[in-house]
């Protein structure tokens, strides 16, 4: 019984640590509960912090964020806020600042 409680406590600790690194508490806690808290700690350490790496990148390698890109009103593809023409459908756009 003590081993199970220790296993559960360590799995919760993995979930808390993952949550502080921007990852899913429940996902990593369940992962650790099913496999091993040690494996969970190793995987969370390897996964690193969630941040800019979570954003998709444009053709220049810059992160696509709501601050830098908007949806084209015609085709709904993402384009830069300062674009004058949609690169996908060629619709004229009003650049946003």
C-alpha atoms as a PDB file:
ATOM      1  CA  UNK A   1       0.000   0.000   0.000  1.00  0.00           C
ATOM      2  CA  UNK A   2       2.841   2.391   0.828  1.00  0.00           C
ATOM      3  CA  UNK A   3       4.482   1.706  -2.522  1.00  0.00           C
ATOM      4  CA  UNK A   4       1.257   2.601  -4.348  1.00  0.00           C
ATOM      5  CA  UNK A   5       0.920   5.859  -2.390  1.00  0.00           C
ATOM      6  CA  UNK A   6       4.551   6.758  -3.100  1.00  0.00           C
ATOM      7  CA  UNK A   7       3.998   5.948  -6.800  1.00  0.00           C
ATOM      8  CA  UNK A   8       0.882   8.160  -6.844  1.00  0.00           C
ATOM      9  CA  UNK A   9       2.611  11.005  -4.985  1.00  0.00           C
ATOM     10  CA  UNK A  10       5.595  10.958  -7.348  1.00  0.00           C
ATOM     11  CA  UNK A  11       3.260  10.864 -10.365  1.00  0.00           C
ATOM     12  CA  UNK A  12       1.451  13.944  -9.042  1.00  0.00           C
ATOM     13  CA  UNK A  13       4.855  15.611  -8.551  1.00  0.00           C
ATOM     14  CA  UNK A  14       5.669  14.907 -12.213  1.00  0.00           C
ATOM     15  CA  UNK A  15       2.339  16.480 -13.194  1.00  0.00           C
ATOM     16  CA  UNK A  16       3.005  19.575 -11.080  1.00  0.00           C
ATOM     17  CA  UNK A  17       6.514  19.947 -12.512  1.00  0.00           C
ATOM     18  CA  UNK A  18       5.192  19.534 -16.064  1.00  0.00           C
ATOM     19  CA  UNK A  19       2.484  22.116 -15.364  1.00  0.00           C
ATOM     20  CA  UNK A  20       5.090  24.635 -14.192  1.00  0.00           C
ATOM     21  CA  UNK A  21       6.920  24.055 -17.478  1.00  0.00           C
ATOM     22  CA  UNK A  22       3.791  24.846 -19.513  1.00  0.00           C
ATOM     23  CA  UNK A  23       2.749  21.239 -20.131  1.00  0.00           C
ATOM     24  CA  UNK A  24      -0.424  19.333 -19.259  1.00  0.00           C
ATOM     25  CA  UNK A  25      -0.694  18.360 -15.588  1.00  0.00           C
ATOM     26  CA  UNK A  26      -3.180  15.540 -16.174  1.00  0.00           C
ATOM     27  CA  UNK A  27      -1.439  14.163 -19.243  1.00  0.00           C
ATOM     28  CA  UNK A  28       1.968  13.895 -17.610  1.00  0.00           C
ATOM     29  CA  UNK A  29       0.550  12.683 -14.313  1.00  0.00           C
ATOM     30  CA  UNK A  30      -1.305   9.858 -16.065  1.00  0.00           C
ATOM     31  CA  UNK A  31       1.764   9.099 -18.178  1.00  0.00           C
ATOM     32  CA  UNK A  32       3.831   8.760 -15.000  1.00  0.00           C
ATOM     33  CA  UNK A  33       1.134   6.773 -13.245  1.00  0.00           C
ATOM     34  CA  UNK A  34       0.968   4.233 -16.079  1.00  0.00           C
ATOM     35  CA  UNK A  35       4.686   3.901 -16.834  1.00  0.00           C
ATOM     36  CA  UNK A  36       6.810   5.162 -13.984  1.00  0.00           C
ATOM     37  CA  UNK A  37       7.397   8.459 -12.197  1.00  0.00           C
ATOM     38  CA  UNK A  38      11.094   8.142 -13.056  1.00  0.00           C
ATOM     39  CA  UNK A  39      10.280   7.812 -16.753  1.00  0.00           C
ATOM     40  CA  UNK A  40       7.880  10.752 -16.407  1.00  0.00           C
ATOM     41  CA  UNK A  41      10.570  12.964 -14.854  1.00  0.00           C
ATOM     42  CA  UNK A  42      13.017  12.056 -17.622  1.00  0.00           C
ATOM     43  CA  UNK A  43      10.490  12.735 -20.397  1.00  0.00           C
ATOM     44  CA  UNK A  44       9.390  16.071 -18.914  1.00  0.00           C
ATOM     45  CA  UNK A  45      13.043  17.097 -18.609  1.00  0.00           C
ATOM     46  CA  UNK A  46      13.675  16.155 -22.238  1.00  0.00           C
ATOM     47  CA  UNK A  47      10.484  17.876 -23.458  1.00  0.00           C
ATOM     48  CA  UNK A  48      11.607  21.190 -21.959  1.00  0.00           C
ATOM     49  CA  UNK A  49       9.487  24.257 -21.427  1.00  0.00           C
ATOM     50  CA  UNK A  50       6.562  25.015 -23.705  1.00  0.00           C
ATOM     51  CA  UNK A  51       7.020  28.429 -25.268  1.00  0.00           C
ATOM     52  CA  UNK A  52       7.894  29.816 -28.675  1.00  0.00           C
ATOM     53  CA  UNK A  53       8.634  26.299 -29.856  1.00  0.00           C
ATOM     54  CA  UNK A  54       4.917  25.572 -29.564  1.00  0.00           C
ATOM     55  CA  UNK A  55       4.060  28.245 -32.165  1.00  0.00           C
ATOM     56  CA  UNK A  56       4.163  27.301 -35.855  1.00  0.00           C
ATOM     57  CA  UNK A  57       6.764  29.122 -37.954  1.00  0.00           C
ATOM     58  CA  UNK A  58       6.432  31.194 -41.123  1.00  0.00           C
ATOM     59  CA  UNK A  59       8.714  30.961 -44.171  1.00  0.00           C
ATOM     60  CA  UNK A  60      11.312  33.171 -42.454  1.00  0.00           C
ATOM     61  CA  UNK A  61      11.386  30.965 -39.370  1.00  0.00           C
ATOM     62  CA  UNK A  62       9.586  33.508 -37.170  1.00  0.00           C
ATOM     63  CA  UNK A  63       6.826  32.271 -34.822  1.00  0.00           C
ATOM     64  CA  UNK A  64       3.282  32.825 -36.088  1.00  0.00           C
ATOM     65  CA  UNK A  65       1.458  34.533 -33.226  1.00  0.00           C
ATOM     66  CA  UNK A  66      -1.766  36.559 -32.983  1.00  0.00           C
ATOM     67  CA  UNK A  67       0.440  39.659 -32.611  1.00  0.00           C
ATOM     68  CA  UNK A  68       2.164  39.103 -35.986  1.00  0.00           C
ATOM     69  CA  UNK A  69      -0.436  37.407 -38.210  1.00  0.00           C
ATOM     70  CA  UNK A  70      -4.147  37.685 -39.050  1.00  0.00           C
ATOM     71  CA  UNK A  71      -6.562  35.585 -41.092  1.00  0.00           C
ATOM     72  CA  UNK A  72      -7.315  36.684 -44.660  1.00  0.00           C
ATOM     73  CA  UNK A  73     -11.009  37.680 -44.816  1.00  0.00           C
ATOM     74  CA  UNK A  74     -11.447  35.829 -48.120  1.00  0.00           C
ATOM     75  CA  UNK A  75      -9.560  32.505 -47.828  1.00  0.00           C
ATOM     76  CA  UNK A  76      -9.000  32.450 -44.013  1.00  0.00           C
ATOM     77  CA  UNK A  77      -5.282  31.624 -44.381  1.00  0.00           C
ATOM     78  CA  UNK A  78      -2.795  33.283 -42.032  1.00  0.00           C
ATOM     79  CA  UNK A  79      -0.987  36.320 -43.431  1.00  0.00           C
ATOM     80  CA  UNK A  80       1.279  38.910 -41.833  1.00  0.00           C
ATOM     81  CA  UNK A  81      -0.505  41.902 -40.295  1.00  0.00           C
ATOM     82  CA  UNK A  82       1.429  44.327 -42.501  1.00  0.00           C
ATOM     83  CA  UNK A  83       0.627  42.482 -45.774  1.00  0.00           C
ATOM     84  CA  UNK A  84      -1.073  44.433 -48.567  1.00  0.00           C
ATOM     85  CA  UNK A  85      -2.077  41.330 -50.504  1.00  0.00           C
ATOM     86  CA  UNK A  86      -2.843  37.770 -49.389  1.00  0.00           C
ATOM     87  CA  UNK A  87      -0.073  35.457 -50.567  1.00  0.00           C
ATOM     88  CA  UNK A  88      -2.572  32.603 -50.930  1.00  0.00           C
ATOM     89  CA  UNK A  89      -5.555  34.076 -52.806  1.00  0.00           C
ATOM     90  CA  UNK A  90      -4.159  37.486 -53.898  1.00  0.00           C
ATOM     91  CA  UNK A  91      -6.996  39.406 -52.195  1.00  0.00           C
ATOM     92  CA  UNK A  92      -6.129  43.042 -51.456  1.00  0.00           C
ATOM     93  CA  UNK A  93      -5.741  43.635 -47.724  1.00  0.00           C
ATOM     94  CA  UNK A  94      -5.611  46.702 -45.524  1.00  0.00           C
ATOM     95  CA  UNK A  95      -2.361  46.500 -43.512  1.00  0.00           C
ATOM     96  CA  UNK A  96      -2.938  46.542 -39.758  1.00  0.00           C
ATOM     97  CA  UNK A  97      -0.519  48.217 -37.394  1.00  0.00           C
END
